[in-house]
Amino acid sequence: PRIEQWLHALRERWSVRRSARQIVPWSKVTALNPHH
């Protein structure tokens, strides 16, 4: 958890990403195979 807090602080300061985590709803998953 401390590494998460540290990275979150870095991301808040320098990241261009809109959010620290991207959420993919399970309802959007169409296929699951051994590769992807």
PDB file of all heavy atoms in Angstrom:
ATOM      1  N   PRO A   1       0.798  -1.232   0.000  1.00  0.00           N
ATOM      2  CA  PRO A   1       0.000   0.000   0.000  1.00  0.00           C
ATOM      3  C   PRO A   1       0.830   1.282   0.000  1.00  0.00           C
ATOM      4  O   PRO A   1       0.430   2.283  -0.584  1.00  0.00           O
ATOM      5  CB  PRO A   1      -0.825  -0.104   1.288  1.00  0.00           C
ATOM      6  CG  PRO A   1      -0.880  -1.553   1.591  1.00  0.00           C
ATOM      7  CD  PRO A   1       0.410  -2.130   1.081  1.00  0.00           C
ATOM      8  N   ARG A   2       1.993   1.279   0.622  1.00  0.00           N
ATOM      9  CA  ARG A   2       2.823   2.498   0.634  1.00  0.00           C
ATOM     10  C   ARG A   2       3.379   2.808  -0.745  1.00  0.00           C
ATOM     11  O   ARG A   2       3.532   3.973  -1.107  1.00  0.00           O
ATOM     12  CB  ARG A   2       3.955   2.373   1.647  1.00  0.00           C
ATOM     13  CG  ARG A   2       3.431   2.527   3.044  1.00  0.00           C
ATOM     14  CD  ARG A   2       4.528   2.795   4.006  1.00  0.00           C
ATOM     15  NE  ARG A   2       3.945   2.902   5.337  1.00  0.00           N
ATOM     16  CZ  ARG A   2       4.626   2.958   6.424  1.00  0.00           C
ATOM     17  NH1 ARG A   2       5.938   2.921   6.381  1.00  0.00           N
ATOM     18  NH2 ARG A   2       4.022   3.047   7.583  1.00  0.00           N
ATOM     19  N   ILE A   3       3.697   1.783  -1.502  1.00  0.00           N
ATOM     20  CA  ILE A   3       4.171   2.007  -2.876  1.00  0.00           C
ATOM     21  C   ILE A   3       3.034   2.609  -3.700  1.00  0.00           C
ATOM     22  O   ILE A   3       3.250   3.513  -4.504  1.00  0.00           O
ATOM     23  CB  ILE A   3       4.708   0.709  -3.502  1.00  0.00           C
ATOM     24  CG1 ILE A   3       5.936   0.232  -2.722  1.00  0.00           C
ATOM     25  CG2 ILE A   3       5.042   0.906  -4.974  1.00  0.00           C
ATOM     26  CD1 ILE A   3       6.463  -1.111  -3.144  1.00  0.00           C
ATOM     27  N   GLU A   4       1.820   2.139  -3.460  1.00  0.00           N
ATOM     28  CA  GLU A   4       0.653   2.714  -4.142  1.00  0.00           C
ATOM     29  C   GLU A   4       0.516   4.197  -3.804  1.00  0.00           C
ATOM     30  O   GLU A   4       0.321   5.028  -4.683  1.00  0.00           O
ATOM     31  CB  GLU A   4      -0.621   1.975  -3.737  1.00  0.00           C
ATOM     32  CG  GLU A   4      -1.869   2.614  -4.317  1.00  0.00           C
ATOM     33  CD  GLU A   4      -3.146   2.067  -3.729  1.00  0.00           C
ATOM     34  OE1 GLU A   4      -3.111   1.445  -2.651  1.00  0.00           O
ATOM     35  OE2 GLU A   4      -4.203   2.290  -4.352  1.00  0.00           O
ATOM     36  N   GLN A   5       0.645   4.546  -2.528  1.00  0.00           N
ATOM     37  CA  GLN A   5       0.536   5.948  -2.100  1.00  0.00           C
ATOM     38  C   GLN A   5       1.628   6.803  -2.734  1.00  0.00           C
ATOM     39  O   GLN A   5       1.377   7.925  -3.187  1.00  0.00           O
ATOM     40  CB  GLN A   5       0.619   6.042  -0.578  1.00  0.00           C
ATOM     41  CG  GLN A   5      -0.564   5.442   0.127  1.00  0.00           C
ATOM     42  CD  GLN A   5      -0.339   5.319   1.629  1.00  0.00           C
ATOM     43  OE1 GLN A   5       0.752   5.585   2.131  1.00  0.00           O
ATOM     44  NE2 GLN A   5      -1.378   4.914   2.345  1.00  0.00           N
ATOM     45  N   TRP A   6       2.835   6.280  -2.786  1.00  0.00           N
ATOM     46  CA  TRP A   6       3.965   7.001  -3.370  1.00  0.00           C
ATOM     47  C   TRP A   6       3.735   7.259  -4.863  1.00  0.00           C
ATOM     48  O   TRP A   6       3.899   8.378  -5.348  1.00  0.00           O
ATOM     49  CB  TRP A   6       5.240   6.191  -3.125  1.00  0.00           C
ATOM     50  CG  TRP A   6       6.476   6.836  -3.637  1.00  0.00           C
ATOM     51  CD1 TRP A   6       7.096   7.922  -3.138  1.00  0.00           C
ATOM     52  CD2 TRP A   6       7.239   6.404  -4.768  1.00  0.00           C
ATOM     53  NE1 TRP A   6       8.230   8.199  -3.884  1.00  0.00           N
ATOM     54  CE2 TRP A   6       8.338   7.282  -4.893  1.00  0.00           C
ATOM     55  CE3 TRP A   6       7.118   5.362  -5.671  1.00  0.00           C
ATOM     56  CZ2 TRP A   6       9.271   7.149  -5.900  1.00  0.00           C
ATOM     57  CZ3 TRP A   6       8.065   5.229  -6.678  1.00  0.00           C
ATOM     58  CH2 TRP A   6       9.117   6.123  -6.772  1.00  0.00           C
ATOM     59  N   LEU A   7       3.327   6.211  -5.589  1.00  0.00           N
ATOM     60  CA  LEU A   7       3.062   6.371  -7.023  1.00  0.00           C
ATOM     61  C   LEU A   7       1.885   7.300  -7.279  1.00  0.00           C
ATOM     62  O   LEU A   7       1.886   8.070  -8.237  1.00  0.00           O
ATOM     63  CB  LEU A   7       2.820   5.019  -7.684  1.00  0.00           C
ATOM     64  CG  LEU A   7       4.063   4.216  -8.001  1.00  0.00           C
ATOM     65  CD1 LEU A   7       3.687   2.847  -8.562  1.00  0.00           C
ATOM     66  CD2 LEU A   7       4.950   4.947  -8.984  1.00  0.00           C
ATOM     67  N   HIS A   8       0.879   7.219  -6.420  1.00  0.00           N
ATOM     68  CA  HIS A   8      -0.277   8.107  -6.569  1.00  0.00           C
ATOM     69  C   HIS A   8       0.159   9.570  -6.422  1.00  0.00           C
ATOM     70  O   HIS A   8      -0.275  10.434  -7.185  1.00  0.00           O
ATOM     71  CB  HIS A   8      -1.355   7.740  -5.554  1.00  0.00           C
ATOM     72  CG  HIS A   8      -2.618   8.524  -5.730  1.00  0.00           C
ATOM     73  ND1 HIS A   8      -3.474   8.298  -6.781  1.00  0.00           N
ATOM     74  CD2 HIS A   8      -3.142   9.542  -5.013  1.00  0.00           C
ATOM     75  CE1 HIS A   8      -4.481   9.148  -6.698  1.00  0.00           C
ATOM     76  NE2 HIS A   8      -4.302   9.914  -5.629  1.00  0.00           N
ATOM     77  N   ALA A   9       1.025   9.841  -5.460  1.00  0.00           N
ATOM     78  CA  ALA A   9       1.524  11.209  -5.262  1.00  0.00           C
ATOM     79  C   ALA A   9       2.325  11.685  -6.480  1.00  0.00           C
ATOM     80  O   ALA A   9       2.185  12.829  -6.912  1.00  0.00           O
ATOM     81  CB  ALA A   9       2.379  11.281  -4.000  1.00  0.00           C
ATOM     82  N   LEU A  10       3.157  10.815  -7.031  1.00  0.00           N
ATOM     83  CA  LEU A  10       3.914  11.168  -8.243  1.00  0.00           C
ATOM     84  C   LEU A  10       2.973  11.437  -9.409  1.00  0.00           C
ATOM     85  O   LEU A  10       3.160  12.386 -10.167  1.00  0.00           O
ATOM     86  CB  LEU A  10       4.889  10.044  -8.611  1.00  0.00           C
ATOM     87  CG  LEU A  10       6.118   9.883  -7.733  1.00  0.00           C
ATOM     88  CD1 LEU A  10       6.899   8.639  -8.144  1.00  0.00           C
ATOM     89  CD2 LEU A  10       6.995  11.127  -7.826  1.00  0.00           C
ATOM     90  N   ARG A  11       1.967  10.591  -9.562  1.00  0.00           N
ATOM     91  CA  ARG A  11       1.020  10.740 -10.660  1.00  0.00           C
ATOM     92  C   ARG A  11       0.255  12.052 -10.541  1.00  0.00           C
ATOM     93  O   ARG A  11       0.057  12.758 -11.526  1.00  0.00           O
ATOM     94  CB  ARG A  11       0.033   9.565 -10.671  1.00  0.00           C
ATOM     95  CG  ARG A  11      -0.834   9.544 -11.916  1.00  0.00           C
ATOM     96  CD  ARG A  11      -2.125   8.810 -11.682  1.00  0.00           C
ATOM     97  NE  ARG A  11      -3.035   9.529 -10.813  1.00  0.00           N
ATOM     98  CZ  ARG A  11      -3.781  10.579 -11.188  1.00  0.00           C
ATOM     99  NH1 ARG A  11      -3.703  11.038 -12.399  1.00  0.00           N
ATOM    100  NH2 ARG A  11      -4.588  11.171 -10.336  1.00  0.00           N
ATOM    101  N   GLU A  12      -0.145  12.406  -9.324  1.00  0.00           N
ATOM    102  CA  GLU A  12      -0.869  13.658  -9.101  1.00  0.00           C
ATOM    103  C   GLU A  12      -0.039  14.861  -9.547  1.00  0.00           C
ATOM    104  O   GLU A  12      -0.576  15.839 -10.045  1.00  0.00           O
ATOM    105  CB  GLU A  12      -1.238  13.813  -7.622  1.00  0.00           C
ATOM    106  CG  GLU A  12      -2.352  12.914  -7.171  1.00  0.00           C
ATOM    107  CD  GLU A  12      -3.700  13.322  -7.745  1.00  0.00           C
ATOM    108  OE1 GLU A  12      -3.997  14.523  -7.779  1.00  0.00           O
ATOM    109  OE2 GLU A  12      -4.433  12.405  -8.171  1.00  0.00           O
ATOM    110  N   ARG A  13       1.254  14.752  -9.371  1.00  0.00           N
ATOM    111  CA  ARG A  13       2.120  15.888  -9.685  1.00  0.00           C
ATOM    112  C   ARG A  13       2.510  15.952 -11.161  1.00  0.00           C
ATOM    113  O   ARG A  13       2.574  17.037 -11.739  1.00  0.00           O
ATOM    114  CB  ARG A  13       3.372  15.803  -8.819  1.00  0.00           C
ATOM    115  CG  ARG A  13       4.238  17.005  -8.954  1.00  0.00           C
ATOM    116  CD  ARG A  13       5.206  17.102  -7.853  1.00  0.00           C
ATOM    117  NE  ARG A  13       5.616  18.494  -7.763  1.00  0.00           N
ATOM    118  CZ  ARG A  13       6.266  18.995  -6.784  1.00  0.00           C
ATOM    119  NH1 ARG A  13       6.591  18.253  -5.761  1.00  0.00           N
ATOM    120  NH2 ARG A  13       6.626  20.250  -6.775  1.00  0.00           N
ATOM    121  N   TRP A  14       2.808  14.799 -11.789  1.00  0.00           N
ATOM    122  CA  TRP A  14       3.390  14.833 -13.133  1.00  0.00           C
ATOM    123  C   TRP A  14       2.646  14.073 -14.218  1.00  0.00           C
ATOM    124  O   TRP A  14       3.034  14.145 -15.369  1.00  0.00           O
ATOM    125  CB  TRP A  14       4.827  14.306 -13.087  1.00  0.00           C
ATOM    126  CG  TRP A  14       5.749  15.257 -12.420  1.00  0.00           C
ATOM    127  CD1 TRP A  14       6.023  16.538 -12.782  1.00  0.00           C
ATOM    128  CD2 TRP A  14       6.518  15.010 -11.252  1.00  0.00           C
ATOM    129  NE1 TRP A  14       6.916  17.105 -11.913  1.00  0.00           N
ATOM    130  CE2 TRP A  14       7.247  16.182 -10.955  1.00  0.00           C
ATOM    131  CE3 TRP A  14       6.688  13.917 -10.413  1.00  0.00           C
ATOM    132  CZ2 TRP A  14       8.111  16.288  -9.881  1.00  0.00           C
ATOM    133  CZ3 TRP A  14       7.539  14.020  -9.331  1.00  0.00           C
ATOM    134  CH2 TRP A  14       8.241  15.193  -9.081  1.00  0.00           C
ATOM    135  N   SER A  15       1.633  13.355 -13.910  1.00  0.00           N
ATOM    136  CA  SER A  15       0.996  12.529 -14.929  1.00  0.00           C
ATOM    137  C   SER A  15       0.026  13.316 -15.790  1.00  0.00           C
ATOM    138  O   SER A  15      -0.618  14.251 -15.327  1.00  0.00           O
ATOM    139  CB  SER A  15       0.248  11.360 -14.282  1.00  0.00           C
ATOM    140  OG  SER A  15      -0.313  10.540 -15.282  1.00  0.00           O
ATOM    141  N   VAL A  16      -0.097  12.904 -17.043  1.00  0.00           N
ATOM    142  CA  VAL A  16      -1.084  13.493 -17.945  1.00  0.00           C
ATOM    143  C   VAL A  16      -2.366  12.676 -17.957  1.00  0.00           C
ATOM    144  O   VAL A  16      -3.348  13.087 -18.557  1.00  0.00           O
ATOM    145  CB  VAL A  16      -0.534  13.599 -19.393  1.00  0.00           C
ATOM    146  CG1 VAL A  16       0.673  14.495 -19.434  1.00  0.00           C
ATOM    147  CG2 VAL A  16      -0.236  12.231 -19.967  1.00  0.00           C
ATOM    148  N   ARG A  17      -2.342  11.544 -17.290  1.00  0.00           N
ATOM    149  CA  ARG A  17      -3.532  10.693 -17.255  1.00  0.00           C
ATOM    150  C   ARG A  17      -4.654  11.352 -16.466  1.00  0.00           C
ATOM    151  O   ARG A  17      -4.424  12.017 -15.473  1.00  0.00           O
ATOM    152  CB  ARG A  17      -3.218   9.340 -16.639  1.00  0.00           C
ATOM    153  CG  ARG A  17      -2.432   8.500 -17.591  1.00  0.00           C
ATOM    154  CD  ARG A  17      -2.648   7.065 -17.296  1.00  0.00           C
ATOM    155  NE  ARG A  17      -1.999   6.341 -18.392  1.00  0.00           N
ATOM    156  CZ  ARG A  17      -1.966   5.065 -18.456  1.00  0.00           C
ATOM    157  NH1 ARG A  17      -2.521   4.336 -17.534  1.00  0.00           N
ATOM    158  NH2 ARG A  17      -1.374   4.477 -19.470  1.00  0.00           N
ATOM    159  N   ARG A  18      -5.871  11.106 -16.917  1.00  0.00           N
ATOM    160  CA  ARG A  18      -7.047  11.668 -16.268  1.00  0.00           C
ATOM    161  C   ARG A  18      -7.304  11.038 -14.914  1.00  0.00           C
ATOM    162  O   ARG A  18      -7.883  11.661 -14.037  1.00  0.00           O
ATOM    163  CB  ARG A  18      -8.273  11.481 -17.159  1.00  0.00           C
ATOM    164  CG  ARG A  18      -8.202  12.300 -18.440  1.00  0.00           C
ATOM    165  CD  ARG A  18      -9.336  11.946 -19.338  1.00  0.00           C
ATOM    166  NE  ARG A  18      -8.803  11.024 -20.360  1.00  0.00           N
ATOM    167  CZ  ARG A  18      -9.518  10.341 -21.198  1.00  0.00           C
ATOM    168  NH1 ARG A  18     -10.818  10.408 -21.155  1.00  0.00           N
ATOM    169  NH2 ARG A  18      -8.949   9.563 -22.089  1.00  0.00           N
ATOM    170  N   SER A  19      -6.917   9.779 -14.744  1.00  0.00           N
ATOM    171  CA  SER A  19      -7.152   9.111 -13.465  1.00  0.00           C
ATOM    172  C   SER A  19      -6.031   8.113 -13.186  1.00  0.00           C
ATOM    173  O   SER A  19      -5.331   7.686 -14.094  1.00  0.00           O
ATOM    174  CB  SER A  19      -8.499   8.386 -13.467  1.00  0.00           C
ATOM    175  OG  SER A  19      -8.485   7.348 -14.421  1.00  0.00           O
ATOM    176  N   ALA A  20      -5.882   7.756 -11.914  1.00  0.00           N
ATOM    177  CA  ALA A  20      -4.819   6.840 -11.513  1.00  0.00           C
ATOM    178  C   ALA A  20      -5.115   5.412 -11.948  1.00  0.00           C
ATOM    179  O   ALA A  20      -4.210   4.624 -12.158  1.00  0.00           O
ATOM    180  CB  ALA A  20      -4.634   6.877  -9.998  1.00  0.00           C
ATOM    181  N   ARG A  21      -6.385   5.081 -12.049  1.00  0.00           N
ATOM    182  CA  ARG A  21      -6.754   3.725 -12.464  1.00  0.00           C
ATOM    183  C   ARG A  21      -7.849   3.810 -13.515  1.00  0.00           C
ATOM    184  O   ARG A  21      -8.673   4.698 -13.494  1.00  0.00           O
ATOM    185  CB  ARG A  21      -7.194   2.884 -11.275  1.00  0.00           C
ATOM    186  CG  ARG A  21      -8.364   3.375 -10.516  1.00  0.00           C
ATOM    187  CD  ARG A  21      -8.741   2.524  -9.302  1.00  0.00           C
ATOM    188  NE  ARG A  21      -7.653   2.050  -8.494  1.00  0.00           N
ATOM    189  CZ  ARG A  21      -7.130   2.703  -7.454  1.00  0.00           C
ATOM    190  NH1 ARG A  21      -7.596   3.880  -7.139  1.00  0.00           N
ATOM    191  NH2 ARG A  21      -6.156   2.187  -6.751  1.00  0.00           N
ATOM    192  N   GLN A  22      -7.779   2.879 -14.418  1.00  0.00           N
ATOM    193  CA  GLN A  22      -8.804   2.780 -15.443  1.00  0.00           C
ATOM    194  C   GLN A  22      -9.696   1.604 -15.085  1.00  0.00           C
ATOM    195  O   GLN A  22      -9.216   0.519 -14.756  1.00  0.00           O
ATOM    196  CB  GLN A  22      -8.173   2.564 -16.817  1.00  0.00           C
ATOM    197  CG  GLN A  22      -9.204   2.440 -17.901  1.00  0.00           C
ATOM    198  CD  GLN A  22      -8.583   2.227 -19.254  1.00  0.00           C
ATOM    199  OE1 GLN A  22      -7.399   2.442 -19.453  1.00  0.00           O
ATOM    200  NE2 GLN A  22      -9.377   1.787 -20.199  1.00  0.00           N
ATOM    201  N   ILE A  23     -10.982   1.810 -15.155  1.00  0.00           N
ATOM    202  CA  ILE A  23     -11.936   0.765 -14.818  1.00  0.00           C
ATOM    203  C   ILE A  23     -12.561   0.220 -16.101  1.00  0.00           C
ATOM    204  O   ILE A  23     -13.007   0.987 -16.955  1.00  0.00           O
ATOM    205  CB  ILE A  23     -13.023   1.305 -13.874  1.00  0.00           C
ATOM    206  CG1 ILE A  23     -12.374   1.662 -12.532  1.00  0.00           C
ATOM    207  CG2 ILE A  23     -14.164   0.318 -13.703  1.00  0.00           C
ATOM    208  CD1 ILE A  23     -13.281   2.322 -11.545  1.00  0.00           C
ATOM    209  N   VAL A  24     -12.561  -1.104 -16.217  1.00  0.00           N
ATOM    210  CA  VAL A  24     -13.191  -1.785 -17.343  1.00  0.00           C
ATOM    211  C   VAL A  24     -14.348  -2.601 -16.778  1.00  0.00           C
ATOM    212  O   VAL A  24     -14.123  -3.605 -16.100  1.00  0.00           O
ATOM    213  CB  VAL A  24     -12.197  -2.703 -18.082  1.00  0.00           C
ATOM    214  CG1 VAL A  24     -12.898  -3.478 -19.188  1.00  0.00           C
ATOM    215  CG2 VAL A  24     -11.024  -1.904 -18.631  1.00  0.00           C
ATOM    216  N   PRO A  25     -15.596  -2.179 -17.023  1.00  0.00           N
ATOM    217  CA  PRO A  25     -16.732  -2.958 -16.524  1.00  0.00           C
ATOM    218  C   PRO A  25     -16.716  -4.372 -17.107  1.00  0.00           C
ATOM    219  O   PRO A  25     -16.420  -4.560 -18.289  1.00  0.00           O
ATOM    220  CB  PRO A  25     -17.952  -2.186 -17.021  1.00  0.00           C
ATOM    221  CG  PRO A  25     -17.444  -0.819 -17.339  1.00  0.00           C
ATOM    222  CD  PRO A  25     -16.015  -0.997 -17.756  1.00  0.00           C
ATOM    223  N   TRP A  26     -17.026  -5.347 -16.289  1.00  0.00           N
ATOM    224  CA  TRP A  26     -17.033  -6.737 -16.749  1.00  0.00           C
ATOM    225  C   TRP A  26     -18.031  -6.923 -17.892  1.00  0.00           C
ATOM    226  O   TRP A  26     -17.828  -7.747 -18.776  1.00  0.00           O
ATOM    227  CB  TRP A  26     -17.342  -7.678 -15.581  1.00  0.00           C
ATOM    228  CG  TRP A  26     -17.284  -9.107 -15.963  1.00  0.00           C
ATOM    229  CD1 TRP A  26     -18.326  -9.981 -16.026  1.00  0.00           C
ATOM    230  CD2 TRP A  26     -16.119  -9.861 -16.354  1.00  0.00           C
ATOM    231  NE1 TRP A  26     -17.887 -11.224 -16.425  1.00  0.00           N
ATOM    232  CE2 TRP A  26     -16.530 -11.171 -16.625  1.00  0.00           C
ATOM    233  CE3 TRP A  26     -14.771  -9.528 -16.490  1.00  0.00           C
ATOM    234  CZ2 TRP A  26     -15.653 -12.173 -17.036  1.00  0.00           C
ATOM    235  CZ3 TRP A  26     -13.898 -10.527 -16.899  1.00  0.00           C
ATOM    236  CH2 TRP A  26     -14.332 -11.822 -17.168  1.00  0.00           C
ATOM    237  N   SER A  27     -19.083  -6.111 -17.912  1.00  0.00           N
ATOM    238  CA  SER A  27     -20.082  -6.213 -18.975  1.00  0.00           C
ATOM    239  C   SER A  27     -19.508  -5.865 -20.348  1.00  0.00           C
ATOM    240  O   SER A  27     -20.093  -6.212 -21.376  1.00  0.00           O
ATOM    241  CB  SER A  27     -21.277  -5.302 -18.672  1.00  0.00           C
ATOM    242  OG  SER A  27     -20.849  -3.954 -18.595  1.00  0.00           O
ATOM    243  N   LYS A  28     -18.365  -5.180 -20.391  1.00  0.00           N
ATOM    244  CA  LYS A  28     -17.728  -4.809 -21.655  1.00  0.00           C
ATOM    245  C   LYS A  28     -16.781  -5.886 -22.187  1.00  0.00           C
ATOM    246  O   LYS A  28     -16.253  -5.757 -23.283  1.00  0.00           O
ATOM    247  CB  LYS A  28     -16.959  -3.495 -21.502  1.00  0.00           C
ATOM    248  CG  LYS A  28     -17.837  -2.316 -21.173  1.00  0.00           C
ATOM    249  CD  LYS A  28     -18.724  -1.972 -22.333  1.00  0.00           C
ATOM    250  CE  LYS A  28     -19.510  -0.713 -22.073  1.00  0.00           C
ATOM    251  NZ  LYS A  28     -20.391  -0.387 -23.187  1.00  0.00           N
ATOM    252  N   VAL A  29     -16.535  -6.931 -21.403  1.00  0.00           N
ATOM    253  CA  VAL A  29     -15.655  -8.017 -21.854  1.00  0.00           C
ATOM    254  C   VAL A  29     -16.444  -8.911 -22.806  1.00  0.00           C
ATOM    255  O   VAL A  29     -17.513  -9.410 -22.463  1.00  0.00           O
ATOM    256  CB  VAL A  29     -15.124  -8.828 -20.648  1.00  0.00           C
ATOM    257  CG1 VAL A  29     -14.313 -10.023 -21.116  1.00  0.00           C
ATOM    258  CG2 VAL A  29     -14.295  -7.934 -19.742  1.00  0.00           C
ATOM    259  N   THR A  30     -15.916  -9.076 -24.026  1.00  0.00           N
ATOM    260  CA  THR A  30     -16.608  -9.885 -25.033  1.00  0.00           C
ATOM    261  C   THR A  30     -15.978 -11.249 -25.236  1.00  0.00           C
ATOM    262  O   THR A  30     -16.644 -12.163 -25.715  1.00  0.00           O
ATOM    263  CB  THR A  30     -16.664  -9.145 -26.383  1.00  0.00           C
ATOM    264  OG1 THR A  30     -15.330  -8.835 -26.798  1.00  0.00           O
ATOM    265  CG2 THR A  30     -17.479  -7.866 -26.263  1.00  0.00           C
ATOM    266  N   ALA A  31     -14.697 -11.394 -24.935  1.00  0.00           N
ATOM    267  CA  ALA A  31     -14.023 -12.682 -25.141  1.00  0.00           C
ATOM    268  C   ALA A  31     -12.855 -12.817 -24.182  1.00  0.00           C
ATOM    269  O   ALA A  31     -12.188 -11.846 -23.849  1.00  0.00           O
ATOM    270  CB  ALA A  31     -13.528 -12.795 -26.580  1.00  0.00           C
ATOM    271  N   LEU A  32     -12.632 -14.033 -23.753  1.00  0.00           N
ATOM    272  CA  LEU A  32     -11.516 -14.360 -22.875  1.00  0.00           C
ATOM    273  C   LEU A  32     -10.868 -15.608 -23.438  1.00  0.00           C
ATOM    274  O   LEU A  32     -11.512 -16.645 -23.567  1.00  0.00           O
ATOM    275  CB  LEU A  32     -12.033 -14.609 -21.451  1.00  0.00           C
ATOM    276  CG  LEU A  32     -11.028 -15.083 -20.413  1.00  0.00           C
ATOM    277  CD1 LEU A  32      -9.947 -14.044 -20.202  1.00  0.00           C
ATOM    278  CD2 LEU A  32     -11.736 -15.368 -19.095  1.00  0.00           C
ATOM    279  N   ASN A  33      -9.603 -15.483 -23.848  1.00  0.00           N
ATOM    280  CA  ASN A  33      -8.888 -16.640 -24.372  1.00  0.00           C
ATOM    281  C   ASN A  33      -7.510 -16.705 -23.713  1.00  0.00           C
ATOM    282  O   ASN A  33      -7.155 -15.815 -22.948  1.00  0.00           O
ATOM    283  CB  ASN A  33      -8.821 -16.600 -25.909  1.00  0.00           C
ATOM    284  CG  ASN A  33      -8.020 -15.446 -26.445  1.00  0.00           C
ATOM    285  OD1 ASN A  33      -6.898 -15.199 -25.996  1.00  0.00           O
ATOM    286  ND2 ASN A  33      -8.562 -14.713 -27.399  1.00  0.00           N
ATOM    287  N   PRO A  34      -6.739 -17.735 -23.990  1.00  0.00           N
ATOM    288  CA  PRO A  34      -5.434 -17.863 -23.320  1.00  0.00           C
ATOM    289  C   PRO A  34      -4.465 -16.706 -23.573  1.00  0.00           C
ATOM    290  O   PRO A  34      -3.557 -16.474 -22.797  1.00  0.00           O
ATOM    291  CB  PRO A  34      -4.867 -19.160 -23.883  1.00  0.00           C
ATOM    292  CG  PRO A  34      -6.052 -19.919 -24.365  1.00  0.00           C
ATOM    293  CD  PRO A  34      -7.043 -18.889 -24.808  1.00  0.00           C
ATOM    294  N   HIS A  35      -4.675 -15.954 -24.662  1.00  0.00           N
ATOM    295  CA  HIS A  35      -3.729 -14.899 -25.041  1.00  0.00           C
ATOM    296  C   HIS A  35      -4.121 -13.513 -24.561  1.00  0.00           C
ATOM    297  O   HIS A  35      -3.274 -12.698 -24.243  1.00  0.00           O
ATOM    298  CB  HIS A  35      -3.535 -14.884 -26.548  1.00  0.00           C
ATOM    299  CG  HIS A  35      -3.154 -16.205 -27.096  1.00  0.00           C
ATOM    300  ND1 HIS A  35      -1.941 -16.798 -26.844  1.00  0.00           N
ATOM    301  CD2 HIS A  35      -3.849 -17.099 -27.835  1.00  0.00           C
ATOM    302  CE1 HIS A  35      -1.883 -17.976 -27.425  1.00  0.00           C
ATOM    303  NE2 HIS A  35      -3.034 -18.189 -28.030  1.00  0.00           N
ATOM    304  N   HIS A  36      -5.413 -13.238 -24.571  1.00  0.00           N
ATOM    305  CA  HIS A  36      -5.864 -11.907 -24.172  1.00  0.00           C
ATOM    306  C   HIS A  36      -7.338 -11.905 -23.793  1.00  0.00           C
ATOM    307  O   HIS A  36      -8.040 -12.888 -23.973  1.00  0.00           O
ATOM    308  CB  HIS A  36      -5.597 -10.885 -25.280  1.00  0.00           C
ATOM    309  CG  HIS A  36      -6.298 -11.186 -26.565  1.00  0.00           C
ATOM    310  ND1 HIS A  36      -5.670 -11.773 -27.618  1.00  0.00           N
ATOM    311  CD2 HIS A  36      -7.579 -11.002 -26.950  1.00  0.00           C
ATOM    312  CE1 HIS A  36      -6.522 -11.932 -28.611  1.00  0.00           C
ATOM    313  NE2 HIS A  36      -7.692 -11.469 -28.234  1.00  0.00           N
TER     314      HIS A  36
END
